[in-house]
Amino acid sequence: MDEDRFSGTVKQAAGKVQGAAGDLLGDSKTQAEGAAREIAGRAQDAYGQAKDVARGAAEQVGRGVEQQPVVALLIAGVIGYALGLFTARR
């Protein structure tokens, strides 16, 4: 598990606890702070998940390049050529 995912999950749980404490005490400031902490935790968890997906995709591309380097070079060349065409027209 990514560090951001772990920290996000902890923040999210802490926000839920803080929000529940605010509910019990009737303190709207504590409720709002808990909700904000929970949202920040969710965002950090989502960021960690995105990093995991990107890392997995990069590893998969790396394996593909190792297995078929000529195909990878041809694809890179076509992409470079296409980018050159698009930027030269402007």
PDB file of N, CA and C in Angstrom:
ATOM      1  N   MET A   1       0.851  -1.181   0.000  1.00  0.00           N
ATOM      2  CA  MET A   1       0.000   0.000   0.000  1.00  0.00           C
ATOM      3  C   MET A   1       0.890   1.235   0.000  1.00  0.00           C
ATOM      4  N   ASP A   2       0.554   2.180  -0.827  1.00  0.00           N
ATOM      5  CA  ASP A   2       1.283   3.431  -0.956  1.00  0.00           C
ATOM      6  C   ASP A   2       1.154   4.244   0.336  1.00  0.00           C
ATOM      7  N   GLU A   3       2.196   5.014   0.660  1.00  0.00           N
ATOM      8  CA  GLU A   3       2.190   5.837   1.872  1.00  0.00           C
ATOM      9  C   GLU A   3       1.042   6.848   1.856  1.00  0.00           C
ATOM     10  N   ASP A   4       0.757   7.421   0.685  1.00  0.00           N
ATOM     11  CA  ASP A   4      -0.342   8.382   0.584  1.00  0.00           C
ATOM     12  C   ASP A   4      -1.689   7.709   0.831  1.00  0.00           C
ATOM     13  N   ARG A   5      -1.837   6.487   0.361  1.00  0.00           N
ATOM     14  CA  ARG A   5      -3.091   5.762   0.586  1.00  0.00           C
ATOM     15  C   ARG A   5      -3.274   5.487   2.075  1.00  0.00           C
ATOM     16  N   PHE A   6      -2.186   5.072   2.743  1.00  0.00           N
ATOM     17  CA  PHE A   6      -2.269   4.794   4.174  1.00  0.00           C
ATOM     18  C   PHE A   6      -2.590   6.064   4.953  1.00  0.00           C
ATOM     19  N   SER A   7      -1.854   7.138   4.677  1.00  0.00           N
ATOM     20  CA  SER A   7      -2.092   8.411   5.372  1.00  0.00           C
ATOM     21  C   SER A   7      -3.495   8.931   5.102  1.00  0.00           C
ATOM     22  N   GLY A   8      -3.952   8.778   3.873  1.00  0.00           N
ATOM     23  CA  GLY A   8      -5.302   9.220   3.530  1.00  0.00           C
ATOM     24  C   GLY A   8      -6.361   8.452   4.285  1.00  0.00           C
ATOM     25  N   THR A   9      -6.172   7.146   4.419  1.00  0.00           N
ATOM     26  CA  THR A   9      -7.130   6.328   5.155  1.00  0.00           C
ATOM     27  C   THR A   9      -7.154   6.725   6.622  1.00  0.00           C
ATOM     28  N   VAL A  10      -5.976   6.998   7.191  1.00  0.00           N
ATOM     29  CA  VAL A  10      -5.899   7.419   8.594  1.00  0.00           C
ATOM     30  C   VAL A  10      -6.586   8.770   8.782  1.00  0.00           C
ATOM     31  N   LYS A  11      -6.318   9.724   7.880  1.00  0.00           N
ATOM     32  CA  LYS A  11      -6.964  11.043   7.976  1.00  0.00           C
ATOM     33  C   LYS A  11      -8.477  10.930   7.845  1.00  0.00           C
ATOM     34  N   GLN A  12      -8.902  10.072   6.938  1.00  0.00           N
ATOM     35  CA  GLN A  12     -10.337   9.890   6.720  1.00  0.00           C
ATOM     36  C   GLN A  12     -10.992   9.338   7.985  1.00  0.00           C
ATOM     37  N   ALA A  13     -10.372   8.349   8.610  1.00  0.00           N
ATOM     38  CA  ALA A  13     -10.920   7.775   9.842  1.00  0.00           C
ATOM     39  C   ALA A  13     -10.914   8.803  10.967  1.00  0.00           C
ATOM     40  N   ALA A  14      -9.832   9.575  11.069  1.00  0.00           N
ATOM     41  CA  ALA A  14      -9.755  10.605  12.103  1.00  0.00           C
ATOM     42  C   ALA A  14     -10.829  11.667  11.885  1.00  0.00           C
ATOM     43  N   GLY A  15     -11.089  11.996  10.644  1.00  0.00           N
ATOM     44  CA  GLY A  15     -12.139  12.971  10.340  1.00  0.00           C
ATOM     45  C   GLY A  15     -13.511  12.465  10.725  1.00  0.00           C
ATOM     46  N   LYS A  16     -13.760  11.173  10.495  1.00  0.00           N
ATOM     47  CA  LYS A  16     -15.046  10.593  10.891  1.00  0.00           C
ATOM     48  C   LYS A  16     -15.214  10.642  12.399  1.00  0.00           C
ATOM     49  N   VAL A  17     -14.144  10.303  13.125  1.00  0.00           N
ATOM     50  CA  VAL A  17     -14.200  10.337  14.589  1.00  0.00           C
ATOM     51  C   VAL A  17     -14.421  11.765  15.074  1.00  0.00           C
ATOM     52  N   GLN A  18     -13.702  12.706  14.496  1.00  0.00           N
ATOM     53  CA  GLN A  18     -13.843  14.108  14.898  1.00  0.00           C
ATOM     54  C   GLN A  18     -15.244  14.617  14.582  1.00  0.00           C
ATOM     55  N   GLY A  19     -15.773  14.248  13.427  1.00  0.00           N
ATOM     56  CA  GLY A  19     -17.132  14.656  13.078  1.00  0.00           C
ATOM     57  C   GLY A  19     -18.160  14.064  14.017  1.00  0.00           C
ATOM     58  N   ALA A  20     -17.969  12.794  14.393  1.00  0.00           N
ATOM     59  CA  ALA A  20     -18.890  12.158  15.332  1.00  0.00           C
ATOM     60  C   ALA A  20     -18.810  12.819  16.699  1.00  0.00           C
ATOM     61  N   ALA A  21     -17.602  13.198  17.116  1.00  0.00           N
ATOM     62  CA  ALA A  21     -17.448  13.900  18.388  1.00  0.00           C
ATOM     63  C   ALA A  21     -18.157  15.250  18.334  1.00  0.00           C
ATOM     64  N   GLY A  22     -18.046  15.920  17.220  1.00  0.00           N
ATOM     65  CA  GLY A  22     -18.746  17.194  17.066  1.00  0.00           C
ATOM     66  C   GLY A  22     -20.250  17.017  17.106  1.00  0.00           C
ATOM     67  N   ASP A  23     -20.746  15.913  16.529  1.00  0.00           N
ATOM     68  CA  ASP A  23     -22.184  15.619  16.589  1.00  0.00           C
ATOM     69  C   ASP A  23     -22.632  15.407  18.027  1.00  0.00           C
ATOM     70  N   LEU A  24     -21.849  14.622  18.768  1.00  0.00           N
ATOM     71  CA  LEU A  24     -22.216  14.331  20.157  1.00  0.00           C
ATOM     72  C   LEU A  24     -22.190  15.581  21.027  1.00  0.00           C
ATOM     73  N   LEU A  25     -21.202  16.422  20.797  1.00  0.00           N
ATOM     74  CA  LEU A  25     -21.056  17.632  21.603  1.00  0.00           C
ATOM     75  C   LEU A  25     -21.906  18.791  21.085  1.00  0.00           C
ATOM     76  N   GLY A  26     -22.431  18.650  19.894  1.00  0.00           N
ATOM     77  CA  GLY A  26     -23.209  19.731  19.302  1.00  0.00           C
ATOM     78  C   GLY A  26     -22.340  20.901  18.877  1.00  0.00           C
ATOM     79  N   ASP A  27     -21.087  20.621  18.588  1.00  0.00           N
ATOM     80  CA  ASP A  27     -20.126  21.661  18.208  1.00  0.00           C
ATOM     81  C   ASP A  27     -19.981  21.668  16.686  1.00  0.00           C
ATOM     82  N   SER A  28     -20.534  22.683  16.054  1.00  0.00           N
ATOM     83  CA  SER A  28     -20.512  22.737  14.588  1.00  0.00           C
ATOM     84  C   SER A  28     -19.100  22.944  14.036  1.00  0.00           C
ATOM     85  N   LYS A  29     -18.243  23.640  14.785  1.00  0.00           N
ATOM     86  CA  LYS A  29     -16.869  23.850  14.326  1.00  0.00           C
ATOM     87  C   LYS A  29     -16.126  22.510  14.260  1.00  0.00           C
ATOM     88  N   THR A  30     -16.284  21.698  15.280  1.00  0.00           N
ATOM     89  CA  THR A  30     -15.642  20.380  15.298  1.00  0.00           C
ATOM     90  C   THR A  30     -16.205  19.491  14.200  1.00  0.00           C
ATOM     91  N   GLN A  31     -17.507  19.584  13.958  1.00  0.00           N
ATOM     92  CA  GLN A  31     -18.127  18.818  12.876  1.00  0.00           C
ATOM     93  C   GLN A  31     -17.517  19.207  11.526  1.00  0.00           C
ATOM     94  N   ALA A  32     -17.396  20.510  11.300  1.00  0.00           N
ATOM     95  CA  ALA A  32     -16.854  21.007  10.033  1.00  0.00           C
ATOM     96  C   ALA A  32     -15.389  20.609   9.863  1.00  0.00           C
ATOM     97  N   GLU A  33     -14.616  20.718  10.938  1.00  0.00           N
ATOM     98  CA  GLU A  33     -13.210  20.315  10.867  1.00  0.00           C
ATOM     99  C   GLU A  33     -13.090  18.822  10.575  1.00  0.00           C
ATOM    100  N   GLY A  34     -13.961  18.035  11.180  1.00  0.00           N
ATOM    101  CA  GLY A  34     -13.956  16.597  10.926  1.00  0.00           C
ATOM    102  C   GLY A  34     -14.303  16.281   9.482  1.00  0.00           C
ATOM    103  N   ALA A  35     -15.301  16.980   8.960  1.00  0.00           N
ATOM    104  CA  ALA A  35     -15.690  16.766   7.560  1.00  0.00           C
ATOM    105  C   ALA A  35     -14.550  17.166   6.623  1.00  0.00           C
ATOM    106  N   ALA A  36     -13.890  18.274   6.929  1.00  0.00           N
ATOM    107  CA  ALA A  36     -12.766  18.724   6.095  1.00  0.00           C
ATOM    108  C   ALA A  36     -11.620  17.721   6.140  1.00  0.00           C
ATOM    109  N   ARG A  37     -11.333  17.204   7.327  1.00  0.00           N
ATOM    110  CA  ARG A  37     -10.260  16.215   7.459  1.00  0.00           C
ATOM    111  C   ARG A  37     -10.607  14.932   6.700  1.00  0.00           C
ATOM    112  N   GLU A  38     -11.879  14.539   6.770  1.00  0.00           N
ATOM    113  CA  GLU A  38     -12.322  13.338   6.057  1.00  0.00           C
ATOM    114  C   GLU A  38     -12.173  13.517   4.540  1.00  0.00           C
ATOM    115  N   ILE A  39     -12.557  14.686   4.038  1.00  0.00           N
ATOM    116  CA  ILE A  39     -12.432  14.968   2.603  1.00  0.00           C
ATOM    117  C   ILE A  39     -10.961  14.994   2.188  1.00  0.00           C
ATOM    118  N   ALA A  40     -10.116  15.601   3.021  1.00  0.00           N
ATOM    119  CA  ALA A  40      -8.680  15.629   2.716  1.00  0.00           C
ATOM    120  C   ALA A  40      -8.111  14.212   2.685  1.00  0.00           C
ATOM    121  N   GLY A  41      -8.583  13.376   3.596  1.00  0.00           N
ATOM    122  CA  GLY A  41      -8.137  11.985   3.610  1.00  0.00           C
ATOM    123  C   GLY A  41      -8.560  11.239   2.365  1.00  0.00           C
ATOM    124  N   ARG A  42      -9.788  11.470   1.932  1.00  0.00           N
ATOM    125  CA  ARG A  42     -10.264  10.824   0.700  1.00  0.00           C
ATOM    126  C   ARG A  42      -9.433  11.265  -0.502  1.00  0.00           C
ATOM    127  N   ALA A  43      -9.128  12.566  -0.555  1.00  0.00           N
ATOM    128  CA  ALA A  43      -8.335  13.090  -1.672  1.00  0.00           C
ATOM    129  C   ALA A  43      -6.933  12.490  -1.669  1.00  0.00           C
ATOM    130  N   GLN A  44      -6.325  12.393  -0.496  1.00  0.00           N
ATOM    131  CA  GLN A  44      -4.983  11.830  -0.412  1.00  0.00           C
ATOM    132  C   GLN A  44      -4.996  10.346  -0.780  1.00  0.00           C
ATOM    133  N   ASP A  45      -6.027   9.633  -0.359  1.00  0.00           N
ATOM    134  CA  ASP A  45      -6.162   8.220  -0.719  1.00  0.00           C
ATOM    135  C   ASP A  45      -6.313   8.066  -2.234  1.00  0.00           C
ATOM    136  N   ALA A  46      -7.129   8.915  -2.843  1.00  0.00           N
ATOM    137  CA  ALA A  46      -7.318   8.862  -4.299  1.00  0.00           C
ATOM    138  C   ALA A  46      -6.007   9.166  -5.024  1.00  0.00           C
ATOM    139  N   TYR A  47      -5.238  10.108  -4.505  1.00  0.00           N
ATOM    140  CA  TYR A  47      -3.930  10.432  -5.084  1.00  0.00           C
ATOM    141  C   TYR A  47      -3.004   9.217  -5.008  1.00  0.00           C
ATOM    142  N   GLY A  48      -3.015   8.551  -3.868  1.00  0.00           N
ATOM    143  CA  GLY A  48      -2.201   7.347  -3.714  1.00  0.00           C
ATOM    144  C   GLY A  48      -2.618   6.249  -4.675  1.00  0.00           C
ATOM    145  N   GLN A  49      -3.917   6.094  -4.870  1.00  0.00           N
ATOM    146  CA  GLN A  49      -4.410   5.094  -5.818  1.00  0.00           C
ATOM    147  C   GLN A  49      -3.961   5.433  -7.241  1.00  0.00           C
ATOM    148  N   ALA A  50      -4.033   6.714  -7.587  1.00  0.00           N
ATOM    149  CA  ALA A  50      -3.605   7.141  -8.926  1.00  0.00           C
ATOM    150  C   ALA A  50      -2.112   6.872  -9.127  1.00  0.00           C
ATOM    151  N   LYS A  51      -1.316   7.111  -8.087  1.00  0.00           N
ATOM    152  CA  LYS A  51       0.117   6.822  -8.178  1.00  0.00           C
ATOM    153  C   LYS A  51       0.359   5.331  -8.378  1.00  0.00           C
ATOM    154  N   ASP A  52      -0.409   4.497  -7.663  1.00  0.00           N
ATOM    155  CA  ASP A  52      -0.272   3.046  -7.827  1.00  0.00           C
ATOM    156  C   ASP A  52      -0.594   2.621  -9.257  1.00  0.00           C
ATOM    157  N   VAL A  53      -1.660   3.179  -9.811  1.00  0.00           N
ATOM    158  CA  VAL A  53      -2.048   2.840 -11.188  1.00  0.00           C
ATOM    159  C   VAL A  53      -0.970   3.293 -12.172  1.00  0.00           C
ATOM    160  N   ALA A  54      -0.470   4.509 -11.989  1.00  0.00           N
ATOM    161  CA  ALA A  54       0.568   5.026 -12.885  1.00  0.00           C
ATOM    162  C   ALA A  54       1.842   4.192 -12.781  1.00  0.00           C
ATOM    163  N   ARG A  55       2.195   3.814 -11.567  1.00  0.00           N
ATOM    164  CA  ARG A  55       3.386   2.992 -11.369  1.00  0.00           C
ATOM    165  C   ARG A  55       3.220   1.639 -12.067  1.00  0.00           C
ATOM    166  N   GLY A  56       2.043   1.050 -11.932  1.00  0.00           N
ATOM    167  CA  GLY A  56       1.774  -0.227 -12.596  1.00  0.00           C
ATOM    168  C   GLY A  56       1.823  -0.108 -14.108  1.00  0.00           C
ATOM    169  N   ALA A  57       1.267   0.979 -14.627  1.00  0.00           N
ATOM    170  CA  ALA A  57       1.285   1.190 -16.079  1.00  0.00           C
ATOM    171  C   ALA A  57       2.715   1.382 -16.576  1.00  0.00           C
ATOM    172  N   ALA A  58       3.512   2.128 -15.830  1.00  0.00           N
ATOM    173  CA  ALA A  58       4.904   2.348 -16.229  1.00  0.00           C
ATOM    174  C   ALA A  58       5.685   1.037 -16.225  1.00  0.00           C
ATOM    175  N   GLU A  59       5.432   0.199 -15.224  1.00  0.00           N
ATOM    176  CA  GLU A  59       6.105  -1.102 -15.185  1.00  0.00           C
ATOM    177  C   GLU A  59       5.687  -1.971 -16.364  1.00  0.00           C
ATOM    178  N   GLN A  60       4.409  -1.920 -16.697  1.00  0.00           N
ATOM    179  CA  GLN A  60       3.908  -2.716 -17.813  1.00  0.00           C
ATOM    180  C   GLN A  60       4.523  -2.244 -19.138  1.00  0.00           C
ATOM    181  N   VAL A  61       4.606  -0.937 -19.322  1.00  0.00           N
ATOM    182  CA  VAL A  61       5.234  -0.398 -20.534  1.00  0.00           C
ATOM    183  C   VAL A  61       6.708  -0.800 -20.576  1.00  0.00           C
ATOM    184  N   GLY A  62       7.368  -0.723 -19.431  1.00  0.00           N
ATOM    185  CA  GLY A  62       8.778  -1.119 -19.374  1.00  0.00           C
ATOM    186  C   GLY A  62       8.982  -2.570 -19.773  1.00  0.00           C
ATOM    187  N   ARG A  63       8.108  -3.443 -19.291  1.00  0.00           N
ATOM    188  CA  ARG A  63       8.202  -4.856 -19.672  1.00  0.00           C
ATOM    189  C   ARG A  63       7.965  -5.028 -21.173  1.00  0.00           C
ATOM    190  N   GLY A  64       7.006  -4.285 -21.713  1.00  0.00           N
ATOM    191  CA  GLY A  64       6.726  -4.366 -23.148  1.00  0.00           C
ATOM    192  C   GLY A  64       7.907  -3.914 -23.983  1.00  0.00           C
ATOM    193  N   VAL A  65       8.582  -2.852 -23.541  1.00  0.00           N
ATOM    194  CA  VAL A  65       9.751  -2.350 -24.262  1.00  0.00           C
ATOM    195  C   VAL A  65      10.880  -3.373 -24.204  1.00  0.00           C
ATOM    196  N   GLU A  66      11.056  -4.008 -23.033  1.00  0.00           N
ATOM    197  CA  GLU A  66      12.104  -5.026 -22.917  1.00  0.00           C
ATOM    198  C   GLU A  66      11.821  -6.222 -23.820  1.00  0.00           C
ATOM    199  N   GLN A  67      10.555  -6.591 -23.935  1.00  0.00           N
ATOM    200  CA  GLN A  67      10.197  -7.769 -24.722  1.00  0.00           C
ATOM    201  C   GLN A  67      10.226  -7.486 -26.225  1.00  0.00           C
ATOM    202  N   GLN A  68       9.848  -6.271 -26.628  1.00  0.00           N
ATOM    203  CA  GLN A  68       9.783  -5.938 -28.054  1.00  0.00           C
ATOM    204  C   GLN A  68      10.364  -4.543 -28.295  1.00  0.00           C
ATOM    205  N   PRO A  69      11.686  -4.408 -28.215  1.00  0.00           N
ATOM    206  CA  PRO A  69      12.289  -3.077 -28.348  1.00  0.00           C
ATOM    207  C   PRO A  69      12.108  -2.450 -29.731  1.00  0.00           C
ATOM    208  N   VAL A  70      12.096  -3.244 -30.772  1.00  0.00           N
ATOM    209  CA  VAL A  70      11.949  -2.689 -32.126  1.00  0.00           C
ATOM    210  C   VAL A  70      10.561  -2.082 -32.300  1.00  0.00           C
ATOM    211  N   VAL A  71       9.549  -2.783 -31.831  1.00  0.00           N
ATOM    212  CA  VAL A  71       8.180  -2.266 -31.915  1.00  0.00           C
ATOM    213  C   VAL A  71       8.069  -0.971 -31.113  1.00  0.00           C
ATOM    214  N   ALA A  72       8.687  -0.945 -29.928  1.00  0.00           N
ATOM    215  CA  ALA A  72       8.644   0.262 -29.098  1.00  0.00           C
ATOM    216  C   ALA A  72       9.298   1.439 -29.818  1.00  0.00           C
ATOM    217  N   LEU A  73      10.413   1.195 -30.477  1.00  0.00           N
ATOM    218  CA  LEU A  73      11.079   2.266 -31.233  1.00  0.00           C
ATOM    219  C   LEU A  73      10.217   2.756 -32.386  1.00  0.00           C
ATOM    220  N   LEU A  74       9.581   1.839 -33.086  1.00  0.00           N
ATOM    221  CA  LEU A  74       8.701   2.239 -34.189  1.00  0.00           C
ATOM    222  C   LEU A  74       7.531   3.079 -33.688  1.00  0.00           C
ATOM    223  N   ILE A  75       6.933   2.664 -32.579  1.00  0.00           N
ATOM    224  CA  ILE A  75       5.813   3.426 -32.011  1.00  0.00           C
ATOM    225  C   ILE A  75       6.278   4.813 -31.597  1.00  0.00           C
ATOM    226  N   ALA A  76       7.434   4.888 -30.930  1.00  0.00           N
ATOM    227  CA  ALA A  76       7.962   6.188 -30.510  1.00  0.00           C
ATOM    228  C   ALA A  76       8.247   7.072 -31.720  1.00  0.00           C
ATOM    229  N   GLY A  77       8.768   6.474 -32.783  1.00  0.00           N
ATOM    230  CA  GLY A  77       9.034   7.240 -33.999  1.00  0.00           C
ATOM    231  C   GLY A  77       7.771   7.783 -34.629  1.00  0.00           C
ATOM    232  N   VAL A  78       6.728   6.966 -34.684  1.00  0.00           N
ATOM    233  CA  VAL A  78       5.451   7.418 -35.252  1.00  0.00           C
ATOM    234  C   VAL A  78       4.865   8.544 -34.413  1.00  0.00           C
ATOM    235  N   ILE A  79       4.926   8.397 -33.093  1.00  0.00           N
ATOM    236  CA  ILE A  79       4.402   9.452 -32.211  1.00  0.00           C
ATOM    237  C   ILE A  79       5.195  10.742 -32.410  1.00  0.00           C
ATOM    238  N   GLY A  80       6.525  10.639 -32.482  1.00  0.00           N
ATOM    239  CA  GLY A  80       7.349  11.824 -32.706  1.00  0.00           C
ATOM    240  C   GLY A  80       7.058  12.488 -34.037  1.00  0.00           C
ATOM    241  N   TYR A  81       6.888  11.693 -35.065  1.00  0.00           N
ATOM    242  CA  TYR A  81       6.562  12.222 -36.386  1.00  0.00           C
ATOM    243  C   TYR A  81       5.214  12.942 -36.363  1.00  0.00           C
ATOM    244  N   ALA A  82       4.217  12.323 -35.729  1.00  0.00           N
ATOM    245  CA  ALA A  82       2.886  12.936 -35.650  1.00  0.00           C
ATOM    246  C   ALA A  82       2.934  14.246 -34.873  1.00  0.00           C
ATOM    247  N   LEU A  83       3.658  14.266 -33.773  1.00  0.00           N
ATOM    248  CA  LEU A  83       3.785  15.514 -33.012  1.00  0.00           C
ATOM    249  C   LEU A  83       4.480  16.589 -33.841  1.00  0.00           C
ATOM    250  N   GLY A  84       5.485  16.186 -34.602  1.00  0.00           N
ATOM    251  CA  GLY A  84       6.163  17.135 -35.480  1.00  0.00           C
ATOM    252  C   GLY A  84       5.230  17.722 -36.521  1.00  0.00           C
ATOM    253  N   LEU A  85       4.378  16.891 -37.093  1.00  0.00           N
ATOM    254  CA  LEU A  85       3.412  17.385 -38.078  1.00  0.00           C
ATOM    255  C   LEU A  85       2.424  18.369 -37.451  1.00  0.00           C
ATOM    256  N   PHE A  86       1.926  18.029 -36.278  1.00  0.00           N
ATOM    257  CA  PHE A  86       0.935  18.899 -35.628  1.00  0.00           C
ATOM    258  C   PHE A  86       1.536  20.235 -35.221  1.00  0.00           C
ATOM    259  N   THR A  87       2.764  20.229 -34.737  1.00  0.00           N
ATOM    260  CA  THR A  87       3.363  21.490 -34.296  1.00  0.00           C
ATOM    261  C   THR A  87       3.876  22.320 -35.470  1.00  0.00           C
ATOM    262  N   ALA A  88       4.236  21.696 -36.571  1.00  0.00           N
ATOM    263  CA  ALA A  88       4.747  22.433 -37.733  1.00  0.00           C
ATOM    264  C   ALA A  88       3.640  23.193 -38.449  1.00  0.00           C
ATOM    265  N   ARG A  89       2.425  22.744 -38.342  1.00  0.00           N
ATOM    266  CA  ARG A  89       1.303  23.393 -39.037  1.00  0.00           C
ATOM    267  C   ARG A  89       0.865  24.681 -38.362  1.00  0.00           C
ATOM    268  N   ARG A  90       1.237  24.904 -37.169  1.00  0.00           N
ATOM    269  CA  ARG A  90       0.761  26.089 -36.436  1.00  0.00           C
ATOM    270  C   ARG A  90       1.684  27.197 -36.557  1.00  0.00           C
TER     271      ARG A  90
END
